[in-house]
Amino acid sequence: MSRNYYVNGSAVRQLDAAPQQQPRRKSEEELQRERRQRSRHNAALRNRQKAMYMSKGYVVFLSVCVAIVAISAVALIQIQSQVTHRMKNVAALESEINNLRADNDAKYKSITTSVDLNQIKDIAINELGMSYASEDQVIYYSVEKNNFLDQYQDIPE
């Protein structure tokens, strides 16, 4: 099928032709607004670049700070580890003390129950000839500061 175009006067029809739009001129106000936006955008870029820049001194300062924090953290962990180890040691020693006390109490009870004081008194009086002290044989001493008495000489008779 062929397409035929007819000529009407001096104008020829064009296929799917759209009218051309002429670029609209921007007003002075719009141009100033665009310039302000561009200057703000450039200022923001400059500020970002300044914020990202770090001098050598600042980098050294930050490195020293990081090193100090790291050393402090390691020291704190070591101290906590030592404290935990010592607490376990103290708990083990307390457990050992409690076991020794229990053994000591058990042995003391067995000794006190195995000794018959009446039998000892009977042997002392009858076989060894011992007797109770009389009132004139008892000498009383006063102790001022301590709850014990140091003997530097023989007791007078």
C-alpha atoms as a PDB file:
ATOM      1  CA  MET A   1       0.000   0.000   0.000  1.00  0.00           C
ATOM      2  CA  SER A   2       1.446   3.261  -0.873  1.00  0.00           C
ATOM      3  CA  ARG A   3       0.922   6.498   0.854  1.00  0.00           C
ATOM      4  CA  ASN A   4       0.205   9.441  -1.144  1.00  0.00           C
ATOM      5  CA  TYR A   5       0.544  12.954   0.059  1.00  0.00           C
ATOM      6  CA  TYR A   6      -1.343  15.722  -1.437  1.00  0.00           C
ATOM      7  CA  VAL A   7      -0.044  19.159  -1.809  1.00  0.00           C
ATOM      8  CA  ASN A   8      -2.358  21.932  -0.692  1.00  0.00           C
ATOM      9  CA  GLY A   9      -0.896  25.065  -1.899  1.00  0.00           C
ATOM     10  CA  SER A  10       2.731  25.571  -1.075  1.00  0.00           C
ATOM     11  CA  ALA A  11       2.719  23.500   2.154  1.00  0.00           C
ATOM     12  CA  VAL A  12       3.448  19.807   2.202  1.00  0.00           C
ATOM     13  CA  ARG A  13       2.226  17.681   5.058  1.00  0.00           C
ATOM     14  CA  GLN A  14       4.848  16.009   7.210  1.00  0.00           C
ATOM     15  CA  LEU A  15       4.462  12.661   8.938  1.00  0.00           C
ATOM     16  CA  ASP A  16       3.703  12.920  12.651  1.00  0.00           C
ATOM     17  CA  ALA A  17       5.194  16.301  12.939  1.00  0.00           C
ATOM     18  CA  ALA A  18       4.893  18.004  16.311  1.00  0.00           C
ATOM     19  CA  PRO A  19       5.068  21.709  16.617  1.00  0.00           C
ATOM     20  CA  GLN A  20       8.434  22.890  17.838  1.00  0.00           C
ATOM     21  CA  GLN A  21       8.495  24.717  21.095  1.00  0.00           C
ATOM     22  CA  GLN A  22      10.753  27.590  21.451  1.00  0.00           C
ATOM     23  CA  PRO A  23      12.789  27.646  24.601  1.00  0.00           C
ATOM     24  CA  ARG A  24      11.312  30.019  27.055  1.00  0.00           C
ATOM     25  CA  ARG A  25      13.621  32.649  28.405  1.00  0.00           C
ATOM     26  CA  LYS A  26      14.086  32.547  32.108  1.00  0.00           C
ATOM     27  CA  SER A  27      13.312  35.590  34.097  1.00  0.00           C
ATOM     28  CA  GLU A  28      15.947  37.431  36.084  1.00  0.00           C
ATOM     29  CA  GLU A  29      14.433  36.157  39.331  1.00  0.00           C
ATOM     30  CA  GLU A  30      14.707  32.511  38.220  1.00  0.00           C
ATOM     31  CA  LEU A  31      18.330  33.054  37.160  1.00  0.00           C
ATOM     32  CA  GLN A  32      19.190  34.531  40.575  1.00  0.00           C
ATOM     33  CA  ARG A  33      17.485  31.621  42.334  1.00  0.00           C
ATOM     34  CA  GLU A  34      19.528  29.106  40.284  1.00  0.00           C
ATOM     35  CA  ARG A  35      22.754  31.011  41.051  1.00  0.00           C
ATOM     36  CA  ARG A  36      21.972  30.948  44.799  1.00  0.00           C
ATOM     37  CA  GLN A  37      21.232  27.215  44.685  1.00  0.00           C
ATOM     38  CA  ARG A  38      24.472  26.584  42.794  1.00  0.00           C
ATOM     39  CA  SER A  39      26.476  28.675  45.279  1.00  0.00           C
ATOM     40  CA  ARG A  40      24.847  26.866  48.228  1.00  0.00           C
ATOM     41  CA  HIS A  41      25.603  23.526  46.612  1.00  0.00           C
ATOM     42  CA  ASN A  42      29.247  24.544  46.033  1.00  0.00           C
ATOM     43  CA  ALA A  43      29.536  25.829  49.620  1.00  0.00           C
ATOM     44  CA  ALA A  44      28.129  22.547  50.940  1.00  0.00           C
ATOM     45  CA  LEU A  45      30.677  20.620  48.851  1.00  0.00           C
ATOM     46  CA  ARG A  46      33.512  22.797  50.199  1.00  0.00           C
ATOM     47  CA  ASN A  47      32.284  22.284  53.781  1.00  0.00           C
ATOM     48  CA  ARG A  48      32.138  18.509  53.270  1.00  0.00           C
ATOM     49  CA  GLN A  49      35.667  18.512  51.909  1.00  0.00           C
ATOM     50  CA  LYS A  50      36.900  20.605  54.855  1.00  0.00           C
ATOM     51  CA  ALA A  51      35.179  18.247  57.289  1.00  0.00           C
ATOM     52  CA  MET A  52      36.817  15.228  55.678  1.00  0.00           C
ATOM     53  CA  TYR A  53      40.293  16.780  55.800  1.00  0.00           C
ATOM     54  CA  MET A  54      42.442  15.808  58.802  1.00  0.00           C
ATOM     55  CA  SER A  55      45.871  17.225  59.480  1.00  0.00           C
ATOM     56  CA  LYS A  56      48.828  15.024  60.421  1.00  0.00           C
ATOM     57  CA  GLY A  57      48.797  16.333  63.983  1.00  0.00           C
ATOM     58  CA  TYR A  58      45.126  15.471  64.389  1.00  0.00           C
ATOM     59  CA  VAL A  59      45.703  11.967  63.005  1.00  0.00           C
ATOM     60  CA  VAL A  60      48.615  11.463  65.440  1.00  0.00           C
ATOM     61  CA  PHE A  61      46.474  12.743  68.322  1.00  0.00           C
ATOM     62  CA  LEU A  62      43.630  10.370  67.419  1.00  0.00           C
ATOM     63  CA  SER A  63      46.078   7.464  67.064  1.00  0.00           C
ATOM     64  CA  VAL A  64      47.522   8.158  70.514  1.00  0.00           C
ATOM     65  CA  CYS A  65      44.012   8.344  71.975  1.00  0.00           C
ATOM     66  CA  VAL A  66      43.044   5.022  70.383  1.00  0.00           C
ATOM     67  CA  ALA A  67      46.262   3.419  71.670  1.00  0.00           C
ATOM     68  CA  ILE A  68      45.608   4.706  75.213  1.00  0.00           C
ATOM     69  CA  VAL A  69      42.033   3.415  75.148  1.00  0.00           C
ATOM     70  CA  ALA A  70      43.198   0.025  73.841  1.00  0.00           C
ATOM     71  CA  ILE A  71      45.925  -0.278  76.494  1.00  0.00           C
ATOM     72  CA  SER A  72      43.449   0.747  79.206  1.00  0.00           C
ATOM     73  CA  ALA A  73      40.948  -1.845  77.991  1.00  0.00           C
ATOM     74  CA  VAL A  74      43.587  -4.593  78.015  1.00  0.00           C
ATOM     75  CA  ALA A  75      44.731  -3.556  81.502  1.00  0.00           C
ATOM     76  CA  LEU A  76      41.142  -3.539  82.770  1.00  0.00           C
ATOM     77  CA  ILE A  77      40.518  -7.010  81.368  1.00  0.00           C
ATOM     78  CA  GLN A  78      43.727  -8.300  82.979  1.00  0.00           C
ATOM     79  CA  ILE A  79      42.781  -6.804  86.347  1.00  0.00           C
ATOM     80  CA  GLN A  80      39.304  -8.322  86.142  1.00  0.00           C
ATOM     81  CA  SER A  81      40.861 -11.674  85.281  1.00  0.00           C
ATOM     82  CA  GLN A  82      43.199 -11.440  88.274  1.00  0.00           C
ATOM     83  CA  VAL A  83      40.325 -10.500  90.578  1.00  0.00           C
ATOM     84  CA  THR A  84      38.283 -13.452  89.330  1.00  0.00           C
ATOM     85  CA  HIS A  85      41.243 -15.805  89.791  1.00  0.00           C
ATOM     86  CA  ARG A  86      41.886 -14.522  93.318  1.00  0.00           C
ATOM     87  CA  MET A  87      38.208 -14.796  94.240  1.00  0.00           C
ATOM     88  CA  LYS A  88      38.261 -18.434  93.115  1.00  0.00           C
ATOM     89  CA  ASN A  89      41.429 -18.923  95.174  1.00  0.00           C
ATOM     90  CA  VAL A  90      39.791 -17.361  98.257  1.00  0.00           C
ATOM     91  CA  ALA A  91      36.707 -19.537  97.788  1.00  0.00           C
ATOM     92  CA  ALA A  92      38.888 -22.652  97.571  1.00  0.00           C
ATOM     93  CA  LEU A  93      40.807 -21.648 100.719  1.00  0.00           C
ATOM     94  CA  GLU A  94      37.573 -20.910 102.601  1.00  0.00           C
ATOM     95  CA  SER A  95      36.262 -24.296 101.581  1.00  0.00           C
ATOM     96  CA  GLU A  96      39.472 -25.903 102.837  1.00  0.00           C
ATOM     97  CA  ILE A  97      39.198 -23.981 106.146  1.00  0.00           C
ATOM     98  CA  ASN A  98      35.603 -25.144 106.592  1.00  0.00           C
ATOM     99  CA  ASN A  99      36.655 -28.750 105.941  1.00  0.00           C
ATOM    100  CA  LEU A 100      39.523 -28.461 108.444  1.00  0.00           C
ATOM    101  CA  ARG A 101      37.218 -26.914 111.061  1.00  0.00           C
ATOM    102  CA  ALA A 102      34.711 -29.711 110.594  1.00  0.00           C
ATOM    103  CA  ASP A 103      37.494 -32.296 110.980  1.00  0.00           C
ATOM    104  CA  ASN A 104      38.849 -30.466 114.037  1.00  0.00           C
ATOM    105  CA  ASP A 105      35.414 -30.308 115.652  1.00  0.00           C
ATOM    106  CA  ALA A 106      34.840 -33.992 114.979  1.00  0.00           C
ATOM    107  CA  LYS A 107      38.217 -34.947 116.523  1.00  0.00           C
ATOM    108  CA  TYR A 108      37.602 -32.668 119.509  1.00  0.00           C
ATOM    109  CA  LYS A 109      34.225 -34.299 120.156  1.00  0.00           C
ATOM    110  CA  SER A 110      35.718 -37.767 119.850  1.00  0.00           C
ATOM    111  CA  ILE A 111      38.474 -36.832 122.330  1.00  0.00           C
ATOM    112  CA  THR A 112      36.091 -35.242 124.816  1.00  0.00           C
ATOM    113  CA  THR A 113      33.716 -38.198 124.683  1.00  0.00           C
ATOM    114  CA  SER A 114      36.552 -40.727 125.069  1.00  0.00           C
ATOM    115  CA  VAL A 115      37.883 -39.084 128.265  1.00  0.00           C
ATOM    116  CA  ASP A 116      36.095 -39.922 131.507  1.00  0.00           C
ATOM    117  CA  LEU A 117      36.823 -37.098 133.976  1.00  0.00           C
ATOM    118  CA  ASN A 118      35.596 -39.087 136.980  1.00  0.00           C
ATOM    119  CA  GLN A 119      38.095 -41.842 136.205  1.00  0.00           C
ATOM    120  CA  ILE A 120      40.934 -39.288 135.954  1.00  0.00           C
ATOM    121  CA  LYS A 121      39.897 -37.730 139.280  1.00  0.00           C
ATOM    122  CA  ASP A 122      39.779 -41.159 140.931  1.00  0.00           C
ATOM    123  CA  ILE A 123      43.258 -42.120 139.655  1.00  0.00           C
ATOM    124  CA  ALA A 124      44.709 -38.727 140.697  1.00  0.00           C
ATOM    125  CA  ILE A 125      43.341 -38.925 144.245  1.00  0.00           C
ATOM    126  CA  ASN A 126      43.704 -42.640 144.978  1.00  0.00           C
ATOM    127  CA  GLU A 127      46.766 -43.735 143.016  1.00  0.00           C
ATOM    128  CA  LEU A 128      48.830 -40.546 142.764  1.00  0.00           C
ATOM    129  CA  GLY A 129      47.926 -39.103 146.153  1.00  0.00           C
ATOM    130  CA  MET A 130      46.737 -35.742 144.938  1.00  0.00           C
ATOM    131  CA  SER A 131      44.309 -33.596 146.925  1.00  0.00           C
ATOM    132  CA  TYR A 132      42.376 -30.372 146.485  1.00  0.00           C
ATOM    133  CA  ALA A 133      44.211 -27.106 147.240  1.00  0.00           C
ATOM    134  CA  SER A 134      43.453 -25.425 150.558  1.00  0.00           C
ATOM    135  CA  GLU A 135      42.635 -21.716 150.904  1.00  0.00           C
ATOM    136  CA  ASP A 136      46.163 -20.779 152.061  1.00  0.00           C
ATOM    137  CA  GLN A 137      47.707 -22.411 148.961  1.00  0.00           C
ATOM    138  CA  VAL A 138      45.771 -20.234 146.488  1.00  0.00           C
ATOM    139  CA  ILE A 139      47.435 -16.931 145.513  1.00  0.00           C
ATOM    140  CA  TYR A 140      45.497 -14.360 143.502  1.00  0.00           C
ATOM    141  CA  TYR A 141      47.122 -11.950 141.024  1.00  0.00           C
ATOM    142  CA  SER A 142      45.591  -8.933 139.360  1.00  0.00           C
ATOM    143  CA  VAL A 143      46.316  -8.345 135.681  1.00  0.00           C
ATOM    144  CA  GLU A 144      45.901  -4.753 134.597  1.00  0.00           C
ATOM    145  CA  LYS A 145      46.229  -4.440 130.815  1.00  0.00           C
ATOM    146  CA  ASN A 146      46.495  -7.874 129.323  1.00  0.00           C
ATOM    147  CA  ASN A 147      44.326 -10.897 129.708  1.00  0.00           C
ATOM    148  CA  PHE A 148      47.360 -13.058 130.480  1.00  0.00           C
ATOM    149  CA  LEU A 149      50.205 -13.004 132.962  1.00  0.00           C
ATOM    150  CA  ASP A 150      53.919 -13.266 132.141  1.00  0.00           C
ATOM    151  CA  GLN A 151      55.941 -15.009 134.845  1.00  0.00           C
ATOM    152  CA  TYR A 152      59.457 -13.582 135.290  1.00  0.00           C
ATOM    153  CA  GLN A 153      60.247 -15.149 138.694  1.00  0.00           C
ATOM    154  CA  ASP A 154      59.240 -18.126 140.745  1.00  0.00           C
ATOM    155  CA  ILE A 155      55.989 -17.814 142.684  1.00  0.00           C
ATOM    156  CA  PRO A 156      56.693 -17.210 146.401  1.00  0.00           C
ATOM    157  CA  GLU A 157      55.661 -19.987 148.739  1.00  0.00           C
END
